[in-house]
């Protein structure tokens, strides 16, 4: 029960933080846009298709997912756009592509993965929560490793590698 309360509190905190960030981005975007890329981390609330690329035949790969805005499934856990889509649009950047789809990430990448946990498997185990299968592999730490790999593989990001620490 304590883990659920903690998870709920963390979720509320991150939603509030994202809302405040969105307000800040909106105010900044009205003045001018200086953002050159967006890098997104999280779970299904931000996943633009990594889960669908990891598990090809999933429910989010079939209708009705995506019908409202995209008119086709996109791998988002939504019938339309996600908050990260609105942020990208507001700052004048293209929709953030899922990292596992590959491609050109010069304008950013989305590392979010549906079901991702912020805590490691060991930390969850201390609370009596035991994960299995894909939940073990797709944590926030995995997303950060993907980001580090991207930074190292693209010369345009080479000057920023020292910003990322374990």
Protein backbone atom coordinates (compact mmCIF):
# COMPACT_ATOMS: atom_id res chain seq x y z
CA UNK A 1 0.00 0.00 0.00
CA UNK A 2 2.87 2.37 0.81
CA UNK A 3 4.46 1.74 -2.61
CA UNK A 4 1.16 2.62 -4.33
CA UNK A 5 0.86 5.84 -2.30
CA UNK A 6 4.45 6.74 -3.13
CA UNK A 7 3.89 5.99 -6.82
CA UNK A 8 0.72 8.10 -6.81
CA UNK A 9 2.54 10.98 -5.11
CA UNK A 10 5.41 10.77 -7.59
CA UNK A 11 2.97 10.68 -10.52
CA UNK A 12 1.16 13.77 -9.22
CA UNK A 13 4.48 15.53 -8.69
CA UNK A 14 5.68 14.78 -12.24
CA UNK A 15 2.37 15.85 -13.77
CA UNK A 16 2.54 19.12 -11.82
CA UNK A 17 6.17 19.59 -12.82
CA UNK A 18 5.34 18.93 -16.47
CA UNK A 19 2.46 21.41 -16.26
CA UNK A 20 4.76 24.08 -14.83
CA UNK A 21 7.33 23.30 -17.51
CA UNK A 22 4.65 23.63 -20.18
CA UNK A 23 3.66 27.05 -18.83
CA UNK A 24 7.30 28.12 -18.84
CA UNK A 25 7.78 26.80 -22.38
CA UNK A 26 4.65 28.61 -23.57
CA UNK A 27 5.82 31.90 -22.10
CA UNK A 28 9.29 31.45 -23.55
CA UNK A 29 7.96 30.38 -26.96
CA UNK A 30 5.89 33.55 -27.21
CA UNK A 31 9.05 35.64 -26.92
CA UNK A 32 11.23 33.53 -29.22
CA UNK A 33 12.17 29.94 -29.84
CA UNK A 34 15.71 28.95 -28.97
CA UNK A 35 15.18 25.21 -28.55
CA UNK A 36 16.94 23.09 -31.14
CA UNK A 37 15.87 19.65 -29.87
CA UNK A 38 13.67 17.84 -27.36
CA UNK A 39 14.73 14.74 -25.47
CA UNK A 40 11.92 13.05 -23.57
CA UNK A 41 12.00 10.37 -20.85
CA UNK A 42 9.16 8.65 -19.03
CA UNK A 43 6.44 6.04 -19.28
CA UNK A 44 3.26 5.62 -21.35
CA UNK A 45 2.31 9.26 -20.75
CA UNK A 46 5.24 10.28 -22.97
CA UNK A 47 5.91 7.16 -25.08
CA UNK A 48 5.56 8.10 -28.76
CA UNK A 49 6.17 4.55 -29.98
CA UNK A 50 9.10 2.83 -28.25
CA UNK A 51 6.86 0.16 -26.70
CA UNK A 52 5.24 -0.51 -30.08
CA UNK A 53 8.66 -0.80 -31.74
CA UNK A 54 9.87 -3.23 -29.07
CA UNK A 55 6.71 -5.36 -29.24
CA UNK A 56 5.45 -5.11 -32.82
CA UNK A 57 1.96 -6.55 -32.48
CA UNK A 58 0.57 -4.67 -29.49
CA UNK A 59 -2.81 -3.11 -28.85
CA UNK A 60 -1.40 0.40 -29.45
CA UNK A 61 -0.30 -0.75 -32.90
CA UNK A 62 -3.93 -1.24 -33.95
CA UNK A 63 -7.05 0.93 -34.13
CA UNK A 64 -8.67 2.70 -32.37
CA UNK A 65 -5.37 4.08 -30.99
CA UNK A 66 -4.44 7.28 -32.82
CA UNK A 67 -7.75 7.74 -34.66
CA UNK A 68 -8.58 11.22 -33.38
CA UNK A 69 -5.52 13.18 -34.52
CA UNK A 70 -3.24 10.95 -36.58
CA UNK A 71 -6.05 8.85 -38.13
CA UNK A 72 -3.83 5.78 -37.70
CA UNK A 73 -2.07 3.96 -34.86
CA UNK A 74 1.23 5.61 -33.90
CA UNK A 75 2.30 3.61 -30.86
CA UNK A 76 1.08 6.30 -28.47
CA UNK A 77 -1.03 5.19 -25.52
CA UNK A 78 -3.63 7.74 -26.57
CA UNK A 79 -6.31 8.27 -29.16
CA UNK A 80 -4.58 11.51 -30.10
CA UNK A 81 -1.55 13.54 -29.14
CA UNK A 82 0.49 13.42 -25.94
CA UNK A 83 1.70 16.36 -23.86
CA UNK A 84 5.15 16.07 -25.47
CA UNK A 85 3.49 16.53 -28.90
CA UNK A 86 1.92 19.82 -27.77
CA UNK A 87 5.24 21.02 -26.31
CA UNK A 88 7.08 20.23 -29.57
CA UNK A 89 4.42 22.02 -31.60
CA UNK A 90 4.52 25.06 -29.32
CA UNK A 91 8.29 25.51 -29.56
CA UNK A 92 8.29 24.96 -33.32
CA UNK A 93 9.91 21.53 -33.43
CA UNK A 94 8.70 18.37 -35.16
CA UNK A 95 6.99 15.62 -33.17
CA UNK A 96 9.56 13.76 -31.10
CA UNK A 97 10.35 10.42 -32.71
CA UNK A 98 10.72 7.22 -30.66
CA UNK A 99 14.38 6.27 -30.19
CA UNK A 100 13.80 2.58 -30.93
CA UNK A 101 12.39 3.48 -34.36
CA UNK A 102 15.78 4.81 -35.45
CA UNK A 103 16.19 7.72 -37.81
CA UNK A 104 17.35 11.32 -37.67
CA UNK A 105 17.48 12.54 -34.09
CA UNK A 106 18.96 15.98 -34.78
CA UNK A 107 15.73 17.58 -33.51
CA UNK A 108 15.44 15.25 -30.52
CA UNK A 109 14.41 11.78 -29.50
CA UNK A 110 11.86 10.19 -27.24
CA UNK A 111 13.22 7.55 -24.86
CA UNK A 112 9.99 7.08 -22.87
CA UNK A 113 8.78 3.48 -22.63
CA UNK A 114 5.30 2.42 -21.51
CA UNK A 115 5.45 0.73 -18.12
CA UNK A 116 8.91 2.10 -17.32
CA UNK A 117 9.78 2.44 -13.68
CA UNK A 118 11.83 5.24 -12.17
CA UNK A 119 13.37 2.90 -9.61
CA UNK A 120 15.72 0.04 -10.44
CA UNK A 121 14.74 -3.60 -9.96
CA UNK A 122 16.83 -3.72 -6.76
CA UNK A 123 15.19 -0.59 -5.33
CA UNK A 124 11.71 -1.92 -6.12
CA UNK A 125 12.63 -5.24 -4.48
CA UNK A 126 13.36 -3.42 -1.23
CA UNK A 127 9.72 -2.31 -1.21
CA UNK A 128 8.52 -5.84 -1.93
CA UNK A 129 7.75 -5.12 -5.59
CA UNK A 130 9.14 -7.74 -7.95
CA UNK A 131 9.18 -7.14 -11.69
CA UNK A 132 9.44 -9.67 -14.47
CA UNK A 133 10.04 -9.69 -18.21
CA UNK A 134 10.20 -6.41 -20.09
CA UNK A 135 9.58 -4.32 -16.95
CA UNK A 136 13.06 -5.26 -15.77
CA UNK A 137 14.75 -3.97 -18.91
CA UNK A 138 12.95 -0.71 -19.65
CA UNK A 139 13.55 1.47 -16.63
CA UNK A 140 14.52 5.13 -16.44
CA UNK A 141 18.15 3.96 -16.17
CA UNK A 142 17.78 2.15 -19.51
CA UNK A 143 16.41 5.33 -21.08
CA UNK A 144 19.39 7.30 -19.79
CA UNK A 145 21.76 4.68 -21.25
CA UNK A 146 19.99 5.02 -24.63
CA UNK A 147 20.43 8.79 -24.39
CA UNK A 148 24.15 8.42 -23.60
CA UNK A 149 24.53 6.08 -26.59
CA UNK A 150 22.81 8.63 -28.83
CA UNK A 151 25.04 11.45 -27.60
CA UNK A 152 28.15 9.39 -28.26
CA UNK A 153 27.05 8.31 -31.74
CA UNK A 154 26.14 11.74 -33.15
CA UNK A 155 28.94 14.23 -33.71
CA UNK A 156 26.55 17.18 -33.33
CA UNK A 157 26.00 16.16 -29.69
CA UNK A 158 29.66 15.47 -28.84
CA UNK A 159 30.11 18.69 -26.84
CA UNK A 160 27.22 17.73 -24.56
CA UNK A 161 28.37 14.30 -23.39
CA UNK A 162 29.86 15.65 -20.16
CA UNK A 163 26.38 16.81 -19.11
CA UNK A 164 25.20 13.23 -18.62
CA UNK A 165 26.41 11.38 -15.52
CA UNK A 166 25.49 8.00 -14.07
